[in-house]
N, C-alpha and C. Protein backbone atom coordinates (compact mmCIF):
# COMPACT_ATOMS: atom_id res chain seq x y z
N UNK A 1 0.82 -1.19 0.00
CA UNK A 1 0.00 0.00 0.00
C UNK A 1 0.87 1.26 0.00
N UNK A 2 2.00 1.21 0.67
CA UNK A 2 2.87 2.38 0.71
C UNK A 2 3.39 2.69 -0.69
N UNK A 3 3.75 1.66 -1.44
CA UNK A 3 4.22 1.87 -2.81
C UNK A 3 3.11 2.47 -3.67
N UNK A 4 1.88 2.02 -3.45
CA UNK A 4 0.76 2.56 -4.20
C UNK A 4 0.55 4.04 -3.89
N UNK A 5 0.64 4.40 -2.62
CA UNK A 5 0.47 5.80 -2.23
C UNK A 5 1.55 6.67 -2.88
N UNK A 6 2.78 6.19 -2.86
CA UNK A 6 3.88 6.95 -3.46
C UNK A 6 3.68 7.09 -4.96
N UNK A 7 3.32 6.00 -5.64
CA UNK A 7 3.10 6.06 -7.09
C UNK A 7 1.93 6.98 -7.42
N UNK A 8 0.88 6.91 -6.63
CA UNK A 8 -0.29 7.75 -6.86
C UNK A 8 0.06 9.23 -6.67
N UNK A 9 0.79 9.56 -5.64
CA UNK A 9 1.18 10.96 -5.40
C UNK A 9 2.07 11.48 -6.52
N UNK A 10 3.03 10.67 -6.94
CA UNK A 10 3.93 11.10 -8.02
C UNK A 10 3.15 11.35 -9.30
N UNK A 11 2.25 10.44 -9.67
CA UNK A 11 1.48 10.62 -10.89
C UNK A 11 0.57 11.84 -10.81
N UNK A 12 -0.07 12.06 -9.69
CA UNK A 12 -0.96 13.21 -9.54
C UNK A 12 -0.16 14.51 -9.59
N UNK A 13 1.02 14.54 -8.99
CA UNK A 13 1.86 15.74 -9.06
C UNK A 13 2.30 16.00 -10.49
N UNK A 14 2.67 14.96 -11.21
CA UNK A 14 3.07 15.14 -12.61
C UNK A 14 1.91 15.67 -13.45
N UNK A 15 0.71 15.14 -13.22
CA UNK A 15 -0.46 15.66 -13.95
C UNK A 15 -0.77 17.09 -13.52
N UNK A 16 -0.51 17.43 -12.28
CA UNK A 16 -0.80 18.78 -11.80
C UNK A 16 0.17 19.82 -12.36
N UNK A 17 1.32 19.38 -12.85
CA UNK A 17 2.24 20.33 -13.48
C UNK A 17 1.62 20.94 -14.73
N UNK A 18 0.74 20.21 -15.40
CA UNK A 18 0.06 20.77 -16.57
C UNK A 18 -0.84 21.92 -16.13
N UNK A 19 -1.80 21.60 -15.30
CA UNK A 19 -2.69 22.57 -14.65
C UNK A 19 -3.26 21.88 -13.43
N UNK A 20 -4.02 22.57 -12.64
CA UNK A 20 -4.60 21.99 -11.43
C UNK A 20 -5.72 21.01 -11.79
N UNK A 21 -6.53 21.35 -12.76
CA UNK A 21 -7.70 20.54 -13.11
C UNK A 21 -7.31 19.13 -13.56
N UNK A 22 -6.30 18.94 -14.44
CA UNK A 22 -5.92 17.56 -14.78
C UNK A 22 -5.44 16.76 -13.58
N UNK A 23 -4.80 17.42 -12.63
CA UNK A 23 -4.36 16.73 -11.41
C UNK A 23 -5.54 16.26 -10.59
N UNK A 24 -6.58 17.07 -10.50
CA UNK A 24 -7.78 16.69 -9.76
C UNK A 24 -8.48 15.53 -10.47
N UNK A 25 -8.58 15.61 -11.78
CA UNK A 25 -9.25 14.55 -12.54
C UNK A 25 -8.50 13.23 -12.39
N UNK A 26 -7.19 13.26 -12.49
CA UNK A 26 -6.42 12.02 -12.34
C UNK A 26 -6.45 11.51 -10.91
N UNK A 27 -6.50 12.42 -9.94
CA UNK A 27 -6.64 11.99 -8.55
C UNK A 27 -7.94 11.24 -8.33
N UNK A 28 -9.00 11.72 -8.96
CA UNK A 28 -10.29 11.02 -8.88
C UNK A 28 -10.22 9.71 -9.63
N UNK A 29 -9.54 9.70 -10.78
CA UNK A 29 -9.43 8.46 -11.57
C UNK A 29 -8.68 7.38 -10.80
N UNK A 30 -7.67 7.76 -10.04
CA UNK A 30 -6.86 6.79 -9.31
C UNK A 30 -7.41 6.48 -7.91
N UNK A 31 -8.54 7.07 -7.54
CA UNK A 31 -9.04 6.97 -6.17
C UNK A 31 -9.45 5.56 -5.76
N UNK A 32 -9.81 4.72 -6.69
CA UNK A 32 -10.29 3.38 -6.34
C UNK A 32 -9.18 2.32 -6.36
N UNK A 33 -7.95 2.73 -6.58
CA UNK A 33 -6.85 1.78 -6.68
C UNK A 33 -6.63 1.02 -5.37
N UNK A 34 -6.86 1.66 -4.23
CA UNK A 34 -6.68 0.98 -2.95
C UNK A 34 -7.65 -0.19 -2.81
N UNK A 35 -8.90 0.06 -3.15
CA UNK A 35 -9.91 -0.99 -3.05
C UNK A 35 -9.62 -2.12 -4.04
N UNK A 36 -9.19 -1.76 -5.24
CA UNK A 36 -8.89 -2.78 -6.25
C UNK A 36 -7.70 -3.62 -5.84
N UNK A 37 -6.69 -2.99 -5.28
CA UNK A 37 -5.51 -3.74 -4.84
C UNK A 37 -5.84 -4.65 -3.66
N UNK A 38 -6.73 -4.20 -2.80
CA UNK A 38 -7.16 -5.03 -1.67
C UNK A 38 -7.98 -6.22 -2.16
N UNK A 39 -8.85 -5.99 -3.13
CA UNK A 39 -9.69 -7.07 -3.65
C UNK A 39 -8.99 -8.01 -4.61
N UNK A 40 -7.95 -7.52 -5.25
CA UNK A 40 -7.19 -8.31 -6.22
C UNK A 40 -5.71 -8.20 -5.90
N UNK A 41 -5.21 -8.99 -4.96
CA UNK A 41 -3.80 -8.87 -4.56
C UNK A 41 -2.82 -9.27 -5.67
N UNK A 42 -3.31 -9.89 -6.72
CA UNK A 42 -2.41 -10.27 -7.81
C UNK A 42 -2.06 -9.09 -8.71
N UNK A 43 -2.79 -7.98 -8.60
CA UNK A 43 -2.49 -6.79 -9.39
C UNK A 43 -1.18 -6.17 -8.94
N UNK A 44 -0.44 -5.65 -9.90
CA UNK A 44 0.70 -4.81 -9.53
C UNK A 44 0.16 -3.41 -9.25
N UNK A 45 1.03 -2.55 -8.80
CA UNK A 45 0.60 -1.18 -8.46
C UNK A 45 0.05 -0.47 -9.69
N UNK A 46 0.77 -0.57 -10.79
CA UNK A 46 0.34 0.15 -11.98
C UNK A 46 -0.86 -0.50 -12.65
N UNK A 47 -1.03 -1.80 -12.48
CA UNK A 47 -2.26 -2.44 -12.96
C UNK A 47 -3.46 -1.96 -12.16
N UNK A 48 -3.30 -1.80 -10.86
CA UNK A 48 -4.40 -1.29 -10.02
C UNK A 48 -4.74 0.15 -10.40
N UNK A 49 -3.73 0.96 -10.66
CA UNK A 49 -3.98 2.34 -11.07
C UNK A 49 -4.68 2.39 -12.43
N UNK A 50 -4.23 1.56 -13.36
CA UNK A 50 -4.86 1.54 -14.69
C UNK A 50 -6.29 1.01 -14.61
N UNK A 51 -6.51 0.01 -13.79
CA UNK A 51 -7.86 -0.54 -13.63
C UNK A 51 -8.78 0.47 -12.95
N UNK A 52 -8.26 1.20 -11.99
CA UNK A 52 -9.05 2.25 -11.33
C UNK A 52 -9.42 3.32 -12.34
N UNK A 53 -8.47 3.72 -13.16
CA UNK A 53 -8.74 4.72 -14.19
C UNK A 53 -9.81 4.23 -15.16
N UNK A 54 -9.72 2.96 -15.54
CA UNK A 54 -10.68 2.39 -16.48
C UNK A 54 -12.07 2.28 -15.86
N UNK A 55 -12.15 1.84 -14.62
CA UNK A 55 -13.45 1.65 -13.98
C UNK A 55 -14.12 2.97 -13.58
N UNK A 56 -13.34 4.00 -13.36
CA UNK A 56 -13.91 5.29 -12.98
C UNK A 56 -14.43 6.08 -14.18
N UNK A 57 -14.23 5.55 -15.38
CA UNK A 57 -14.73 6.23 -16.58
C UNK A 57 -16.26 6.34 -16.48
N UNK A 58 -16.75 7.55 -16.50
CA UNK A 58 -18.17 7.79 -16.40
C UNK A 58 -18.67 8.03 -14.98
N UNK A 59 -17.83 7.84 -13.99
CA UNK A 59 -18.23 8.03 -12.60
C UNK A 59 -17.45 9.14 -11.90
N UNK A 60 -16.57 9.83 -12.61
CA UNK A 60 -15.73 10.84 -11.97
C UNK A 60 -16.56 11.99 -11.39
N UNK A 61 -17.53 12.47 -12.15
CA UNK A 61 -18.34 13.59 -11.67
C UNK A 61 -19.14 13.18 -10.43
N UNK A 62 -19.69 11.98 -10.46
CA UNK A 62 -20.46 11.49 -9.32
C UNK A 62 -19.58 11.39 -8.08
N UNK A 63 -18.35 10.90 -8.24
CA UNK A 63 -17.42 10.79 -7.12
C UNK A 63 -17.00 12.18 -6.62
N UNK A 64 -16.78 13.11 -7.54
CA UNK A 64 -16.43 14.47 -7.16
C UNK A 64 -17.55 15.12 -6.36
N UNK A 65 -18.79 14.97 -6.81
CA UNK A 65 -19.92 15.55 -6.10
C UNK A 65 -20.12 14.89 -4.74
N UNK A 66 -19.87 13.59 -4.65
CA UNK A 66 -19.96 12.89 -3.38
C UNK A 66 -18.99 13.47 -2.37
N UNK A 67 -17.75 13.68 -2.78
CA UNK A 67 -16.74 14.23 -1.87
C UNK A 67 -16.94 15.71 -1.61
N UNK A 68 -17.57 16.42 -2.54
CA UNK A 68 -17.84 17.83 -2.35
C UNK A 68 -18.81 18.07 -1.20
N UNK A 69 -19.65 17.09 -0.94
CA UNK A 69 -20.61 17.21 0.15
C UNK A 69 -19.95 17.22 1.52
N UNK A 70 -18.72 16.79 1.59
CA UNK A 70 -18.03 16.72 2.88
C UNK A 70 -17.22 17.98 3.19
N UNK A 71 -17.21 18.95 2.30
CA UNK A 71 -16.44 20.18 2.54
C UNK A 71 -16.99 20.93 3.75
N UNK A 72 -18.29 21.04 3.84
CA UNK A 72 -18.90 21.72 4.99
C UNK A 72 -18.57 21.02 6.30
N UNK A 73 -18.59 19.70 6.26
CA UNK A 73 -18.23 18.95 7.46
C UNK A 73 -16.76 19.18 7.83
N UNK A 74 -15.90 19.27 6.81
CA UNK A 74 -14.48 19.53 7.07
C UNK A 74 -14.26 20.89 7.70
N UNK A 75 -15.02 21.88 7.26
CA UNK A 75 -14.93 23.21 7.87
C UNK A 75 -15.42 23.15 9.31
N UNK A 76 -16.50 22.43 9.54
CA UNK A 76 -17.02 22.30 10.90
C UNK A 76 -16.02 21.60 11.82
N UNK A 77 -15.27 20.65 11.28
CA UNK A 77 -14.25 19.95 12.08
C UNK A 77 -13.17 20.93 12.53
N UNK A 78 -12.85 21.91 11.70
CA UNK A 78 -11.82 22.87 12.09
C UNK A 78 -12.26 23.69 13.30
N UNK A 79 -13.56 23.90 13.47
CA UNK A 79 -14.05 24.64 14.65
C UNK A 79 -13.95 23.80 15.92
N UNK A 80 -13.89 22.49 15.78
CA UNK A 80 -13.77 21.62 16.96
C UNK A 80 -12.31 21.26 17.24
N UNK A 81 -11.40 21.95 16.56
CA UNK A 81 -9.95 21.72 16.70
C UNK A 81 -9.57 20.28 16.35
N UNK A 82 -10.26 19.70 15.40
CA UNK A 82 -9.93 18.37 14.90
C UNK A 82 -10.62 17.23 15.61
N UNK A 83 -11.28 17.48 16.70
CA UNK A 83 -11.93 16.40 17.44
C UNK A 83 -13.08 15.80 16.62
N UNK A 84 -13.74 16.63 15.85
CA UNK A 84 -14.85 16.15 15.02
C UNK A 84 -14.40 15.17 13.95
N UNK A 85 -13.11 15.15 13.63
CA UNK A 85 -12.62 14.20 12.63
C UNK A 85 -12.74 12.75 13.11
N UNK A 86 -12.88 12.56 14.42
CA UNK A 86 -13.10 11.21 14.94
C UNK A 86 -14.42 10.64 14.41
N UNK A 87 -15.37 11.49 14.09
CA UNK A 87 -16.64 11.05 13.52
C UNK A 87 -16.67 11.23 12.01
N UNK A 88 -16.01 12.27 11.52
CA UNK A 88 -16.06 12.56 10.09
C UNK A 88 -15.29 11.55 9.25
N UNK A 89 -14.08 11.20 9.67
CA UNK A 89 -13.24 10.29 8.88
C UNK A 89 -13.89 8.92 8.66
N UNK A 90 -14.41 8.26 9.70
CA UNK A 90 -15.08 6.98 9.43
C UNK A 90 -16.29 7.13 8.51
N UNK A 91 -17.02 8.23 8.68
CA UNK A 91 -18.19 8.48 7.83
C UNK A 91 -17.76 8.68 6.37
N UNK A 92 -16.70 9.46 6.15
CA UNK A 92 -16.19 9.70 4.81
C UNK A 92 -15.67 8.42 4.17
N UNK A 93 -14.87 7.66 4.90
CA UNK A 93 -14.30 6.44 4.34
C UNK A 93 -15.36 5.37 4.09
N UNK A 94 -16.37 5.31 4.94
CA UNK A 94 -17.47 4.38 4.71
C UNK A 94 -18.25 4.77 3.47
N UNK A 95 -18.47 6.06 3.29
CA UNK A 95 -19.18 6.54 2.11
C UNK A 95 -18.40 6.22 0.84
N UNK A 96 -17.10 6.39 0.87
CA UNK A 96 -16.28 6.06 -0.29
C UNK A 96 -16.26 4.56 -0.55
N UNK A 97 -16.27 3.76 0.51
CA UNK A 97 -16.33 2.30 0.34
C UNK A 97 -17.65 1.86 -0.26
N UNK A 98 -18.74 2.48 0.15
CA UNK A 98 -20.04 2.15 -0.42
C UNK A 98 -20.08 2.57 -1.88
N UNK A 99 -19.46 3.70 -2.23
CA UNK A 99 -19.37 4.10 -3.63
C UNK A 99 -18.67 3.02 -4.44
N UNK A 100 -17.57 2.51 -3.91
CA UNK A 100 -16.84 1.45 -4.61
C UNK A 100 -17.72 0.21 -4.80
N UNK A 101 -18.39 -0.21 -3.73
CA UNK A 101 -19.26 -1.39 -3.83
C UNK A 101 -20.41 -1.20 -4.79
N UNK A 102 -20.96 -0.01 -4.83
CA UNK A 102 -22.15 0.23 -5.66
C UNK A 102 -21.81 0.43 -7.13
N UNK A 103 -20.75 1.18 -7.42
CA UNK A 103 -20.48 1.54 -8.81
C UNK A 103 -19.28 0.86 -9.44
N UNK A 104 -18.27 0.55 -8.68
CA UNK A 104 -17.00 0.11 -9.25
C UNK A 104 -16.84 -1.41 -9.20
N UNK A 105 -17.19 -2.03 -8.10
CA UNK A 105 -16.96 -3.47 -7.92
C UNK A 105 -17.80 -4.31 -8.85
């Protein structure tokens, strides 16, 4: 997983050198690689990234809007000095996992 995180960060930074928007789009495209690698341990890191990119085709906007709904909660967490993240993070990660189960898997 650490290798996947490093590869994902490097690729997103390289795409962000073009402009910010391509970096965001590729970040969304690569977002499901963790779930794919967990479900298919035979995948290499770059196979998981390519499969995530392929499976997210047509679902990027939906995933973006899903995560956009958590911006208000993130701002509210800052008022609690981070204590609210004890509730927000599990809720966010569960929501992303359900997205994977519903649309990608």
